[in-house]
Amino acid sequence: MIERITPAGIPAPRGPYSPAVRAGGFIFVAGQGPVDPATNQFSFGDIQHETRIVLGNIRRILEGCGASVADVVKCSVFLSNGADFAAMNEVYAEFFGEHKPARTTVEAQFAVKQMKVEIDCIAYKP
């Protein structure tokens, strides 16, 4: 069974996609940018500021699906500037703590030029 999920209290999708999709025991969280859920507007800043917002949105989506950060098995991190890796990684490490999912990090260009980071993830919660 496939379930498309839009939990309350998260930024509205900016395109034709679901914030999360549950397929069996897996939850696929769409790529999240630095959008403030209170205003539904981008909140640009340094890489650490943007990473905190992105990971907070991911946490809210996971919780809205009945999961948590501890259930994340894989993340993909997209950076507009590879030189931001270390600063992003500090916030990422704080967020996940001892729960260290597999991860891929790449440098990418975004449609929204001011964005510095986008992260998606896959969680497992049977």
PDB file of N, CA and C in Angstrom:
ATOM      1  N   MET A   1       0.832  -1.180   0.000  1.00  0.00           N
ATOM      2  CA  MET A   1       0.000   0.000   0.000  1.00  0.00           C
ATOM      3  C   MET A   1       0.881   1.250   0.000  1.00  0.00           C
ATOM      4  N   ILE A   2       0.511   2.232  -0.781  1.00  0.00           N
ATOM      5  CA  ILE A   2       1.230   3.504  -0.838  1.00  0.00           C
ATOM      6  C   ILE A   2       0.313   4.595  -0.302  1.00  0.00           C
ATOM      7  N   GLU A   3       0.864   5.390   0.624  1.00  0.00           N
ATOM      8  CA  GLU A   3       0.107   6.481   1.238  1.00  0.00           C
ATOM      9  C   GLU A   3       0.887   7.777   1.070  1.00  0.00           C
ATOM     10  N   ARG A   4       0.250   8.785   0.524  1.00  0.00           N
ATOM     11  CA  ARG A   4       0.863  10.100   0.372  1.00  0.00           C
ATOM     12  C   ARG A   4       0.460  10.940   1.570  1.00  0.00           C
ATOM     13  N   ILE A   5       1.472  11.548   2.243  1.00  0.00           N
ATOM     14  CA  ILE A   5       1.220  12.191   3.532  1.00  0.00           C
ATOM     15  C   ILE A   5       1.668  13.650   3.501  1.00  0.00           C
ATOM     16  N   THR A   6       0.779  14.519   3.982  1.00  0.00           N
ATOM     17  CA  THR A   6       1.097  15.937   4.164  1.00  0.00           C
ATOM     18  C   THR A   6       0.759  16.281   5.609  1.00  0.00           C
ATOM     19  N   PRO A   7       1.722  16.112   6.532  1.00  0.00           N
ATOM     20  CA  PRO A   7       1.443  16.396   7.937  1.00  0.00           C
ATOM     21  C   PRO A   7       1.134  17.881   8.175  1.00  0.00           C
ATOM     22  N   ALA A   8       0.380  18.154   9.218  1.00  0.00           N
ATOM     23  CA  ALA A   8       0.089  19.539   9.608  1.00  0.00           C
ATOM     24  C   ALA A   8       1.372  20.208  10.113  1.00  0.00           C
ATOM     25  N   GLY A   9       1.448  21.524   9.949  1.00  0.00           N
ATOM     26  CA  GLY A   9       2.555  22.291  10.521  1.00  0.00           C
ATOM     27  C   GLY A   9       3.854  22.259   9.745  1.00  0.00           C
ATOM     28  N   ILE A  10       3.792  21.848   8.488  1.00  0.00           N
ATOM     29  CA  ILE A  10       5.006  21.834   7.666  1.00  0.00           C
ATOM     30  C   ILE A  10       4.827  22.820   6.509  1.00  0.00           C
ATOM     31  N   PRO A  11       5.930  23.239   5.886  1.00  0.00           N
ATOM     32  CA  PRO A  11       5.796  24.129   4.727  1.00  0.00           C
ATOM     33  C   PRO A  11       4.991  23.454   3.610  1.00  0.00           C
ATOM     34  N   ALA A  12       4.191  24.256   2.926  1.00  0.00           N
ATOM     35  CA  ALA A  12       3.415  23.735   1.800  1.00  0.00           C
ATOM     36  C   ALA A  12       4.357  23.372   0.652  1.00  0.00           C
ATOM     37  N   PRO A  13       4.110  22.247  -0.011  1.00  0.00           N
ATOM     38  CA  PRO A  13       4.938  21.888  -1.163  1.00  0.00           C
ATOM     39  C   PRO A  13       4.901  22.992  -2.219  1.00  0.00           C
ATOM     40  N   ARG A  14       6.027  23.211  -2.871  1.00  0.00           N
ATOM     41  CA  ARG A  14       6.131  24.237  -3.900  1.00  0.00           C
ATOM     42  C   ARG A  14       6.042  23.638  -5.304  1.00  0.00           C
ATOM     43  N   GLY A  15       5.448  22.482  -5.397  1.00  0.00           N
ATOM     44  CA  GLY A  15       5.313  21.808  -6.674  1.00  0.00           C
ATOM     45  C   GLY A  15       4.391  20.616  -6.542  1.00  0.00           C
ATOM     46  N   PRO A  16       4.273  19.844  -7.613  1.00  0.00           N
ATOM     47  CA  PRO A  16       3.372  18.687  -7.621  1.00  0.00           C
ATOM     48  C   PRO A  16       4.023  17.448  -7.005  1.00  0.00           C
ATOM     49  N   TYR A  17       4.219  17.486  -5.695  1.00  0.00           N
ATOM     50  CA  TYR A  17       4.809  16.346  -4.992  1.00  0.00           C
ATOM     51  C   TYR A  17       4.236  16.261  -3.583  1.00  0.00           C
ATOM     52  N   SER A  18       4.395  15.109  -2.959  1.00  0.00           N
ATOM     53  CA  SER A  18       3.971  14.892  -1.580  1.00  0.00           C
ATOM     54  C   SER A  18       5.165  15.101  -0.664  1.00  0.00           C
ATOM     55  N   PRO A  19       4.982  15.747   0.494  1.00  0.00           N
ATOM     56  CA  PRO A  19       6.088  15.899   1.437  1.00  0.00           C
ATOM     57  C   PRO A  19       6.635  14.552   1.902  1.00  0.00           C
ATOM     58  N   ALA A  20       5.746  13.559   2.021  1.00  0.00           N
ATOM     59  CA  ALA A  20       6.176  12.220   2.423  1.00  0.00           C
ATOM     60  C   ALA A  20       5.292  11.183   1.755  1.00  0.00           C
ATOM     61  N   VAL A  21       5.898  10.034   1.495  1.00  0.00           N
ATOM     62  CA  VAL A  21       5.161   8.892   0.944  1.00  0.00           C
ATOM     63  C   VAL A  21       5.565   7.667   1.754  1.00  0.00           C
ATOM     64  N   ARG A  22       4.552   6.988   2.277  1.00  0.00           N
ATOM     65  CA  ARG A  22       4.807   5.725   2.984  1.00  0.00           C
ATOM     66  C   ARG A  22       4.530   4.595   2.004  1.00  0.00           C
ATOM     67  N   ALA A  23       5.500   3.697   1.878  1.00  0.00           N
ATOM     68  CA  ALA A  23       5.357   2.502   1.048  1.00  0.00           C
ATOM     69  C   ALA A  23       5.799   1.325   1.916  1.00  0.00           C
ATOM     70  N   GLY A  24       4.835   0.540   2.362  1.00  0.00           N
ATOM     71  CA  GLY A  24       5.160  -0.522   3.307  1.00  0.00           C
ATOM     72  C   GLY A  24       5.697   0.101   4.583  1.00  0.00           C
ATOM     73  N   GLY A  25       6.843  -0.378   5.030  1.00  0.00           N
ATOM     74  CA  GLY A  25       7.454   0.150   6.239  1.00  0.00           C
ATOM     75  C   GLY A  25       8.374   1.335   6.006  1.00  0.00           C
ATOM     76  N   PHE A  26       8.500   1.775   4.769  1.00  0.00           N
ATOM     77  CA  PHE A  26       9.404   2.885   4.449  1.00  0.00           C
ATOM     78  C   PHE A  26       8.657   4.201   4.307  1.00  0.00           C
ATOM     79  N   ILE A  27       9.295   5.275   4.760  1.00  0.00           N
ATOM     80  CA  ILE A  27       8.783   6.630   4.600  1.00  0.00           C
ATOM     81  C   ILE A  27       9.824   7.408   3.806  1.00  0.00           C
ATOM     82  N   PHE A  28       9.411   7.916   2.660  1.00  0.00           N
ATOM     83  CA  PHE A  28      10.288   8.701   1.795  1.00  0.00           C
ATOM     84  C   PHE A  28       9.920  10.174   1.986  1.00  0.00           C
ATOM     85  N   VAL A  29      10.866  10.958   2.502  1.00  0.00           N
ATOM     86  CA  VAL A  29      10.635  12.383   2.733  1.00  0.00           C
ATOM     87  C   VAL A  29      11.234  13.156   1.563  1.00  0.00           C
ATOM     88  N   ALA A  30      10.400  13.976   0.925  1.00  0.00           N
ATOM     89  CA  ALA A  30      10.847  14.783  -0.212  1.00  0.00           C
ATOM     90  C   ALA A  30      11.925  15.767   0.230  1.00  0.00           C
ATOM     91  N   GLY A  31      12.735  16.193  -0.726  1.00  0.00           N
ATOM     92  CA  GLY A  31      13.774  17.179  -0.454  1.00  0.00           C
ATOM     93  C   GLY A  31      13.189  18.424   0.197  1.00  0.00           C
ATOM     94  N   GLN A  32      13.813  18.853   1.290  1.00  0.00           N
ATOM     95  CA  GLN A  32      13.357  20.016   2.032  1.00  0.00           C
ATOM     96  C   GLN A  32      14.384  21.130   1.908  1.00  0.00           C
ATOM     97  N   GLY A  33      13.880  22.321   1.603  1.00  0.00           N
ATOM     98  CA  GLY A  33      14.718  23.511   1.560  1.00  0.00           C
ATOM     99  C   GLY A  33      14.489  24.329   2.820  1.00  0.00           C
ATOM    100  N   PRO A  34      15.171  25.459   2.933  1.00  0.00           N
ATOM    101  CA  PRO A  34      15.071  26.281   4.144  1.00  0.00           C
ATOM    102  C   PRO A  34      13.806  27.148   4.159  1.00  0.00           C
ATOM    103  N   VAL A  35      12.658  26.495   4.328  1.00  0.00           N
ATOM    104  CA  VAL A  35      11.382  27.199   4.357  1.00  0.00           C
ATOM    105  C   VAL A  35      10.864  27.201   5.790  1.00  0.00           C
ATOM    106  N   ASP A  36      10.611  28.387   6.321  1.00  0.00           N
ATOM    107  CA  ASP A  36      10.087  28.548   7.670  1.00  0.00           C
ATOM    108  C   ASP A  36       8.640  28.055   7.680  1.00  0.00           C
ATOM    109  N   PRO A  37       8.327  27.044   8.506  1.00  0.00           N
ATOM    110  CA  PRO A  37       6.964  26.509   8.492  1.00  0.00           C
ATOM    111  C   PRO A  37       5.926  27.503   9.032  1.00  0.00           C
ATOM    112  N   ALA A  38       6.356  28.459   9.841  1.00  0.00           N
ATOM    113  CA  ALA A  38       5.409  29.437  10.395  1.00  0.00           C
ATOM    114  C   ALA A  38       4.953  30.442   9.344  1.00  0.00           C
ATOM    115  N   THR A  39       5.845  30.793   8.426  1.00  0.00           N
ATOM    116  CA  THR A  39       5.519  31.815   7.424  1.00  0.00           C
ATOM    117  C   THR A  39       5.343  31.240   6.028  1.00  0.00           C
ATOM    118  N   ASN A  40       5.809  30.001   5.830  1.00  0.00           N
ATOM    119  CA  ASN A  40       5.822  29.348   4.532  1.00  0.00           C
ATOM    120  C   ASN A  40       6.675  30.120   3.518  1.00  0.00           C
ATOM    121  N   GLN A  41       7.656  30.853   4.016  1.00  0.00           N
ATOM    122  CA  GLN A  41       8.575  31.627   3.178  1.00  0.00           C
ATOM    123  C   GLN A  41       9.996  31.094   3.373  1.00  0.00           C
ATOM    124  N   PHE A  42      10.836  31.252   2.355  1.00  0.00           N
ATOM    125  CA  PHE A  42      12.237  30.878   2.496  1.00  0.00           C
ATOM    126  C   PHE A  42      12.867  31.710   3.606  1.00  0.00           C
ATOM    127  N   SER A  43      13.785  31.090   4.341  1.00  0.00           N
ATOM    128  CA  SER A  43      14.551  31.777   5.376  1.00  0.00           C
ATOM    129  C   SER A  43      16.029  31.547   5.061  1.00  0.00           C
ATOM    130  N   PHE A  44      16.575  32.429   4.240  1.00  0.00           N
ATOM    131  CA  PHE A  44      17.965  32.290   3.821  1.00  0.00           C
ATOM    132  C   PHE A  44      18.898  32.828   4.900  1.00  0.00           C
ATOM    133  N   GLY A  45      20.081  32.278   4.942  1.00  0.00           N
ATOM    134  CA  GLY A  45      21.097  32.696   5.899  1.00  0.00           C
ATOM    135  C   GLY A  45      22.348  31.900   5.633  1.00  0.00           C
ATOM    136  N   ASP A  46      23.187  31.780   6.650  1.00  0.00           N
ATOM    137  CA  ASP A  46      24.389  30.976   6.451  1.00  0.00           C
ATOM    138  C   ASP A  46      24.003  29.498   6.406  1.00  0.00           C
ATOM    139  N   ILE A  47      24.937  28.653   6.055  1.00  0.00           N
ATOM    140  CA  ILE A  47      24.647  27.228   5.859  1.00  0.00           C
ATOM    141  C   ILE A  47      24.117  26.577   7.128  1.00  0.00           C
ATOM    142  N   GLN A  48      24.604  26.986   8.285  1.00  0.00           N
ATOM    143  CA  GLN A  48      24.124  26.376   9.517  1.00  0.00           C
ATOM    144  C   GLN A  48      22.667  26.766   9.792  1.00  0.00           C
ATOM    145  N   HIS A  49      22.325  28.009   9.564  1.00  0.00           N
ATOM    146  CA  HIS A  49      20.940  28.459   9.726  1.00  0.00           C
ATOM    147  C   HIS A  49      20.018  27.657   8.806  1.00  0.00           C
ATOM    148  N   GLU A  50      20.370  27.567   7.541  1.00  0.00           N
ATOM    149  CA  GLU A  50      19.529  26.855   6.582  1.00  0.00           C
ATOM    150  C   GLU A  50      19.439  25.363   6.905  1.00  0.00           C
ATOM    151  N   THR A  51      20.547  24.771   7.320  1.00  0.00           N
ATOM    152  CA  THR A  51      20.543  23.343   7.654  1.00  0.00           C
ATOM    153  C   THR A  51      19.629  23.074   8.842  1.00  0.00           C
ATOM    154  N   ARG A  52      19.646  23.944   9.856  1.00  0.00           N
ATOM    155  CA  ARG A  52      18.755  23.779  11.017  1.00  0.00           C
ATOM    156  C   ARG A  52      17.287  23.818  10.593  1.00  0.00           C
ATOM    157  N   ILE A  53      16.942  24.747   9.713  1.00  0.00           N
ATOM    158  CA  ILE A  53      15.557  24.835   9.255  1.00  0.00           C
ATOM    159  C   ILE A  53      15.168  23.586   8.476  1.00  0.00           C
ATOM    160  N   VAL A  54      16.028  23.161   7.567  1.00  0.00           N
ATOM    161  CA  VAL A  54      15.752  21.977   6.747  1.00  0.00           C
ATOM    162  C   VAL A  54      15.558  20.743   7.628  1.00  0.00           C
ATOM    163  N   LEU A  55      16.466  20.517   8.559  1.00  0.00           N
ATOM    164  CA  LEU A  55      16.369  19.335   9.410  1.00  0.00           C
ATOM    165  C   LEU A  55      15.173  19.422  10.353  1.00  0.00           C
ATOM    166  N   GLY A  56      14.828  20.623  10.803  1.00  0.00           N
ATOM    167  CA  GLY A  56      13.618  20.792  11.608  1.00  0.00           C
ATOM    168  C   GLY A  56      12.374  20.420  10.825  1.00  0.00           C
ATOM    169  N   ASN A  57      12.326  20.811   9.549  1.00  0.00           N
ATOM    170  CA  ASN A  57      11.194  20.432   8.695  1.00  0.00           C
ATOM    171  C   ASN A  57      11.137  18.921   8.513  1.00  0.00           C
ATOM    172  N   ILE A  58      12.289  18.314   8.327  1.00  0.00           N
ATOM    173  CA  ILE A  58      12.326  16.854   8.190  1.00  0.00           C
ATOM    174  C   ILE A  58      11.815  16.198   9.466  1.00  0.00           C
ATOM    175  N   ARG A  59      12.236  16.699  10.619  1.00  0.00           N
ATOM    176  CA  ARG A  59      11.770  16.139  11.901  1.00  0.00           C
ATOM    177  C   ARG A  59      10.233  16.236  11.997  1.00  0.00           C
ATOM    178  N   ARG A  60       9.679  17.394  11.660  1.00  0.00           N
ATOM    179  CA  ARG A  60       8.225  17.568  11.733  1.00  0.00           C
ATOM    180  C   ARG A  60       7.499  16.613  10.774  1.00  0.00           C
ATOM    181  N   ILE A  61       8.028  16.432   9.590  1.00  0.00           N
ATOM    182  CA  ILE A  61       7.406  15.514   8.635  1.00  0.00           C
ATOM    183  C   ILE A  61       7.459  14.085   9.174  1.00  0.00           C
ATOM    184  N   LEU A  62       8.617  13.667   9.667  1.00  0.00           N
ATOM    185  CA  LEU A  62       8.743  12.319  10.226  1.00  0.00           C
ATOM    186  C   LEU A  62       7.764  12.109  11.379  1.00  0.00           C
ATOM    187  N   GLU A  63       7.699  13.090  12.286  1.00  0.00           N
ATOM    188  CA  GLU A  63       6.776  12.968  13.419  1.00  0.00           C
ATOM    189  C   GLU A  63       5.330  12.896  12.943  1.00  0.00           C
ATOM    190  N   GLY A  64       5.004  13.652  11.900  1.00  0.00           N
ATOM    191  CA  GLY A  64       3.659  13.604  11.330  1.00  0.00           C
ATOM    192  C   GLY A  64       3.329  12.262  10.697  1.00  0.00           C
ATOM    193  N   CYS A  65       4.359  11.479  10.442  1.00  0.00           N
ATOM    194  CA  CYS A  65       4.190  10.135   9.872  1.00  0.00           C
ATOM    195  C   CYS A  65       4.326   9.053  10.936  1.00  0.00           C
ATOM    196  N   GLY A  66       4.480   9.466  12.195  1.00  0.00           N
ATOM    197  CA  GLY A  66       4.635   8.493  13.279  1.00  0.00           C
ATOM    198  C   GLY A  66       6.035   7.949  13.420  1.00  0.00           C
ATOM    199  N   ALA A  67       7.007   8.642  12.888  1.00  0.00           N
ATOM    200  CA  ALA A  67       8.409   8.197  12.941  1.00  0.00           C
ATOM    201  C   ALA A  67       9.257   9.262  13.649  1.00  0.00           C
ATOM    202  N   SER A  68      10.540   8.997  13.740  1.00  0.00           N
ATOM    203  CA  SER A  68      11.468   9.945  14.363  1.00  0.00           C
ATOM    204  C   SER A  68      12.798   9.914  13.627  1.00  0.00           C
ATOM    205  N   VAL A  69      13.685  10.778  14.062  1.00  0.00           N
ATOM    206  CA  VAL A  69      15.037  10.844  13.496  1.00  0.00           C
ATOM    207  C   VAL A  69      15.742   9.490  13.630  1.00  0.00           C
ATOM    208  N   ALA A  70      15.458   8.780  14.699  1.00  0.00           N
ATOM    209  CA  ALA A  70      16.092   7.480  14.933  1.00  0.00           C
ATOM    210  C   ALA A  70      15.717   6.455  13.867  1.00  0.00           C
ATOM    211  N   ASP A  71      14.627   6.697  13.150  1.00  0.00           N
ATOM    212  CA  ASP A  71      14.165   5.758  12.123  1.00  0.00           C
ATOM    213  C   ASP A  71      14.762   6.029  10.742  1.00  0.00           C
ATOM    214  N   VAL A  72      15.526   7.100  10.595  1.00  0.00           N
ATOM    215  CA  VAL A  72      16.094   7.460   9.295  1.00  0.00           C
ATOM    216  C   VAL A  72      17.231   6.500   8.946  1.00  0.00           C
ATOM    217  N   VAL A  73      17.149   5.926   7.741  1.00  0.00           N
ATOM    218  CA  VAL A  73      18.177   4.987   7.297  1.00  0.00           C
ATOM    219  C   VAL A  73      19.088   5.569   6.217  1.00  0.00           C
ATOM    220  N   LYS A  74      18.626   6.629   5.514  1.00  0.00           N
ATOM    221  CA  LYS A  74      19.413   7.189   4.407  1.00  0.00           C
ATOM    222  C   LYS A  74      19.042   8.644   4.209  1.00  0.00           C
ATOM    223  N   CYS A  75      20.044   9.482   4.009  1.00  0.00           N
ATOM    224  CA  CYS A  75      19.842  10.893   3.664  1.00  0.00           C
ATOM    225  C   CYS A  75      20.634  11.223   2.407  1.00  0.00           C
ATOM    226  N   SER A  76      20.114  12.158   1.652  1.00  0.00           N
ATOM    227  CA  SER A  76      20.856  12.760   0.544  1.00  0.00           C
ATOM    228  C   SER A  76      20.919  14.245   0.845  1.00  0.00           C
ATOM    229  N   VAL A  77      22.124  14.791   0.838  1.00  0.00           N
ATOM    230  CA  VAL A  77      22.351  16.211   1.127  1.00  0.00           C
ATOM    231  C   VAL A  77      22.868  16.861  -0.151  1.00  0.00           C
ATOM    232  N   PHE A  78      22.248  17.967  -0.511  1.00  0.00           N
ATOM    233  CA  PHE A  78      22.639  18.722  -1.697  1.00  0.00           C
ATOM    234  C   PHE A  78      23.084  20.105  -1.241  1.00  0.00           C
ATOM    235  N   LEU A  79      24.304  20.484  -1.595  1.00  0.00           N
ATOM    236  CA  LEU A  79      24.880  21.774  -1.214  1.00  0.00           C
ATOM    237  C   LEU A  79      25.143  22.607  -2.461  1.00  0.00           C
ATOM    238  N   SER A  80      24.850  23.899  -2.382  1.00  0.00           N
ATOM    239  CA  SER A  80      25.164  24.769  -3.522  1.00  0.00           C
ATOM    240  C   SER A  80      26.654  25.046  -3.593  1.00  0.00           C
ATOM    241  N   ASN A  81      27.350  24.887  -2.469  1.00  0.00           N
ATOM    242  CA  ASN A  81      28.789  25.142  -2.414  1.00  0.00           C
ATOM    243  C   ASN A  81      29.443  24.062  -1.558  1.00  0.00           C
ATOM    244  N   GLY A  82      30.256  23.238  -2.162  1.00  0.00           N
ATOM    245  CA  GLY A  82      30.922  22.160  -1.442  1.00  0.00           C
ATOM    246  C   GLY A  82      31.765  22.641  -0.273  1.00  0.00           C
ATOM    247  N   ALA A  83      32.194  23.889  -0.311  1.00  0.00           N
ATOM    248  CA  ALA A  83      32.995  24.440   0.794  1.00  0.00           C
ATOM    249  C   ALA A  83      32.165  24.569   2.071  1.00  0.00           C
ATOM    250  N   ASP A  84      30.835  24.466   1.969  1.00  0.00           N
ATOM    251  CA  ASP A  84      29.966  24.540   3.148  1.00  0.00           C
ATOM    252  C   ASP A  84      29.831  23.201   3.870  1.00  0.00           C
ATOM    253  N   PHE A  85      30.503  22.165   3.369  1.00  0.00           N
ATOM    254  CA  PHE A  85      30.317  20.822   3.925  1.00  0.00           C
ATOM    255  C   PHE A  85      30.577  20.759   5.422  1.00  0.00           C
ATOM    256  N   ALA A  86      31.698  21.255   5.895  1.00  0.00           N
ATOM    257  CA  ALA A  86      32.059  21.125   7.313  1.00  0.00           C
ATOM    258  C   ALA A  86      31.037  21.812   8.216  1.00  0.00           C
ATOM    259  N   ALA A  87      30.625  23.017   7.855  1.00  0.00           N
ATOM    260  CA  ALA A  87      29.652  23.749   8.673  1.00  0.00           C
ATOM    261  C   ALA A  87      28.293  23.055   8.656  1.00  0.00           C
ATOM    262  N   MET A  88      27.868  22.548   7.511  1.00  0.00           N
ATOM    263  CA  MET A  88      26.618  21.791   7.428  1.00  0.00           C
ATOM    264  C   MET A  88      26.728  20.539   8.277  1.00  0.00           C
ATOM    265  N   ASN A  89      27.859  19.867   8.198  1.00  0.00           N
ATOM    266  CA  ASN A  89      28.059  18.604   8.891  1.00  0.00           C
ATOM    267  C   ASN A  89      27.982  18.766  10.410  1.00  0.00           C
ATOM    268  N   GLU A  90      28.392  19.909  10.940  1.00  0.00           N
ATOM    269  CA  GLU A  90      28.289  20.158  12.386  1.00  0.00           C
ATOM    270  C   GLU A  90      26.831  20.120  12.831  1.00  0.00           C
ATOM    271  N   VAL A  91      25.966  20.819  12.109  1.00  0.00           N
ATOM    272  CA  VAL A  91      24.539  20.843  12.452  1.00  0.00           C
ATOM    273  C   VAL A  91      23.924  19.468  12.231  1.00  0.00           C
ATOM    274  N   TYR A  92      24.276  18.825  11.130  1.00  0.00           N
ATOM    275  CA  TYR A  92      23.775  17.486  10.806  1.00  0.00           C
ATOM    276  C   TYR A  92      24.121  16.510  11.935  1.00  0.00           C
ATOM    277  N   ALA A  93      25.368  16.554  12.420  1.00  0.00           N
ATOM    278  CA  ALA A  93      25.811  15.656  13.492  1.00  0.00           C
ATOM    279  C   ALA A  93      25.036  15.917  14.782  1.00  0.00           C
ATOM    280  N   GLU A  94      24.769  17.186  15.100  1.00  0.00           N
ATOM    281  CA  GLU A  94      23.964  17.522  16.283  1.00  0.00           C
ATOM    282  C   GLU A  94      22.563  16.940  16.141  1.00  0.00           C
ATOM    283  N   PHE A  95      21.989  17.076  14.975  1.00  0.00           N
ATOM    284  CA  PHE A  95      20.621  16.643  14.724  1.00  0.00           C
ATOM    285  C   PHE A  95      20.471  15.131  14.865  1.00  0.00           C
ATOM    286  N   PHE A  96      21.352  14.378  14.248  1.00  0.00           N
ATOM    287  CA  PHE A  96      21.222  12.924  14.260  1.00  0.00           C
ATOM    288  C   PHE A  96      21.870  12.268  15.462  1.00  0.00           C
ATOM    289  N   GLY A  97      22.814  12.925  16.126  1.00  0.00           N
ATOM    290  CA  GLY A  97      23.438  12.342  17.311  1.00  0.00           C
ATOM    291  C   GLY A  97      24.004  10.972  17.020  1.00  0.00           C
ATOM    292  N   GLU A  98      23.619  10.010  17.854  1.00  0.00           N
ATOM    293  CA  GLU A  98      24.106   8.633  17.695  1.00  0.00           C
ATOM    294  C   GLU A  98      23.415   7.881  16.563  1.00  0.00           C
ATOM    295  N   HIS A  99      22.320   8.427  16.067  1.00  0.00           N
ATOM    296  CA  HIS A  99      21.578   7.794  14.973  1.00  0.00           C
ATOM    297  C   HIS A  99      22.188   8.289  13.668  1.00  0.00           C
ATOM    298  N   LYS A 100      23.073   7.517  13.116  1.00  0.00           N
ATOM    299  CA  LYS A 100      23.834   7.941  11.935  1.00  0.00           C
ATOM    300  C   LYS A 100      23.369   7.181  10.702  1.00  0.00           C
ATOM    301  N   PRO A 101      22.446   7.796   9.931  1.00  0.00           N
ATOM    302  CA  PRO A 101      21.997   7.114   8.719  1.00  0.00           C
ATOM    303  C   PRO A 101      23.079   7.111   7.646  1.00  0.00           C
ATOM    304  N   ALA A 102      22.933   6.229   6.675  1.00  0.00           N
ATOM    305  CA  ALA A 102      23.799   6.284   5.495  1.00  0.00           C
ATOM    306  C   ALA A 102      23.548   7.641   4.829  1.00  0.00           C
ATOM    307  N   ARG A 103      24.551   8.161   4.119  1.00  0.00           N
ATOM    308  CA  ARG A 103      24.380   9.497   3.550  1.00  0.00           C
ATOM    309  C   ARG A 103      25.179   9.656   2.273  1.00  0.00           C
ATOM    310  N   THR A 104      24.618  10.453   1.371  1.00  0.00           N
ATOM    311  CA  THR A 104      25.306  10.916   0.173  1.00  0.00           C
ATOM    312  C   THR A 104      25.268  12.433   0.220  1.00  0.00           C
ATOM    313  N   THR A 105      26.385  13.080  -0.097  1.00  0.00           N
ATOM    314  CA  THR A 105      26.426  14.546  -0.154  1.00  0.00           C
ATOM    315  C   THR A 105      27.030  14.953  -1.487  1.00  0.00           C
ATOM    316  N   VAL A 106      26.317  15.826  -2.197  1.00  0.00           N
ATOM    317  CA  VAL A 106      26.789  16.298  -3.495  1.00  0.00           C
ATOM    318  C   VAL A 106      26.612  17.806  -3.608  1.00  0.00           C
ATOM    319  N   GLU A 107      27.394  18.391  -4.477  1.00  0.00           N
ATOM    320  CA  GLU A 107      27.231  19.802  -4.806  1.00  0.00           C
ATOM    321  C   GLU A 107      26.234  19.889  -5.957  1.00  0.00           C
ATOM    322  N   ALA A 108      25.312  20.848  -5.860  1.00  0.00           N
ATOM    323  CA  ALA A 108      24.242  20.942  -6.861  1.00  0.00           C
ATOM    324  C   ALA A 108      23.835  22.394  -7.081  1.00  0.00           C
ATOM    325  N   GLN A 109      23.206  22.638  -8.213  1.00  0.00           N
ATOM    326  CA  GLN A 109      22.600  23.941  -8.473  1.00  0.00           C
ATOM    327  C   GLN A 109      21.114  23.818  -8.174  1.00  0.00           C
ATOM    328  N   PHE A 110      20.551  24.858  -7.566  1.00  0.00           N
ATOM    329  CA  PHE A 110      19.138  24.859  -7.220  1.00  0.00           C
ATOM    330  C   PHE A 110      18.370  25.811  -8.114  1.00  0.00           C
ATOM    331  N   ALA A 111      17.084  25.536  -8.303  1.00  0.00           N
ATOM    332  CA  ALA A 111      16.208  26.444  -9.047  1.00  0.00           C
ATOM    333  C   ALA A 111      16.089  27.778  -8.315  1.00  0.00           C
ATOM    334  N   VAL A 112      16.112  27.722  -6.980  1.00  0.00           N
ATOM    335  CA  VAL A 112      16.108  28.937  -6.152  1.00  0.00           C
ATOM    336  C   VAL A 112      17.576  29.234  -5.832  1.00  0.00           C
ATOM    337  N   LYS A 113      18.138  30.188  -6.526  1.00  0.00           N
ATOM    338  CA  LYS A 113      19.591  30.439  -6.488  1.00  0.00           C
ATOM    339  C   LYS A 113      20.132  30.750  -5.099  1.00  0.00           C
ATOM    340  N   GLN A 114      19.315  31.357  -4.203  1.00  0.00           N
ATOM    341  CA  GLN A 114      19.806  31.740  -2.875  1.00  0.00           C
ATOM    342  C   GLN A 114      19.950  30.544  -1.932  1.00  0.00           C
ATOM    343  N   MET A 115      19.298  29.430  -2.253  1.00  0.00           N
ATOM    344  CA  MET A 115      19.357  28.253  -1.376  1.00  0.00           C
ATOM    345  C   MET A 115      20.768  27.714  -1.276  1.00  0.00           C
ATOM    346  N   LYS A 116      21.115  27.297  -0.069  1.00  0.00           N
ATOM    347  CA  LYS A 116      22.426  26.695   0.157  1.00  0.00           C
ATOM    348  C   LYS A 116      22.358  25.185   0.371  1.00  0.00           C
ATOM    349  N   VAL A 117      21.184  24.671   0.794  1.00  0.00           N
ATOM    350  CA  VAL A 117      21.095  23.253   1.135  1.00  0.00           C
ATOM    351  C   VAL A 117      19.680  22.717   0.916  1.00  0.00           C
ATOM    352  N   GLU A 118      19.618  21.468   0.508  1.00  0.00           N
ATOM    353  CA  GLU A 118      18.374  20.703   0.445  1.00  0.00           C
ATOM    354  C   GLU A 118      18.705  19.295   0.906  1.00  0.00           C
ATOM    355  N   ILE A 119      17.820  18.704   1.696  1.00  0.00           N
ATOM    356  CA  ILE A 119      18.050  17.352   2.216  1.00  0.00           C
ATOM    357  C   ILE A 119      16.768  16.547   2.063  1.00  0.00           C
ATOM    358  N   ASP A 120      16.922  15.288   1.625  1.00  0.00           N
ATOM    359  CA  ASP A 120      15.802  14.348   1.645  1.00  0.00           C
ATOM    360  C   ASP A 120      16.222  13.142   2.451  1.00  0.00           C
ATOM    361  N   CYS A 121      15.272  12.292   2.798  1.00  0.00           N
ATOM    362  CA  CYS A 121      15.650  11.097   3.571  1.00  0.00           C
ATOM    363  C   CYS A 121      14.644   9.987   3.377  1.00  0.00           C
ATOM    364  N   ILE A 122      15.075   8.810   3.808  1.00  0.00           N
ATOM    365  CA  ILE A 122      14.240   7.621   3.835  1.00  0.00           C
ATOM    366  C   ILE A 122      14.294   7.079   5.262  1.00  0.00           C
ATOM    367  N   ALA A 123      13.130   6.833   5.822  1.00  0.00           N
ATOM    368  CA  ALA A 123      13.041   6.245   7.166  1.00  0.00           C
ATOM    369  C   ALA A 123      12.359   4.887   7.065  1.00  0.00           C
ATOM    370  N   TYR A 124      12.606   4.052   8.057  1.00  0.00           N
ATOM    371  CA  TYR A 124      11.960   2.743   8.121  1.00  0.00           C
ATOM    372  C   TYR A 124      11.198   2.659   9.435  1.00  0.00           C
ATOM    373  N   LYS A 125       9.883   2.538   9.332  1.00  0.00           N
ATOM    374  CA  LYS A 125       9.011   2.455  10.508  1.00  0.00           C
ATOM    375  C   LYS A 125       7.869   1.521  10.179  1.00  0.00           C
ATOM    376  N   PRO A 126       8.071   0.191  10.379  1.00  0.00           N
ATOM    377  CA  PRO A 126       7.006  -0.764  10.040  1.00  0.00           C
ATOM    378  C   PRO A 126       5.798  -0.619  10.969  1.00  0.00           C
TER     379      PRO A 126
END
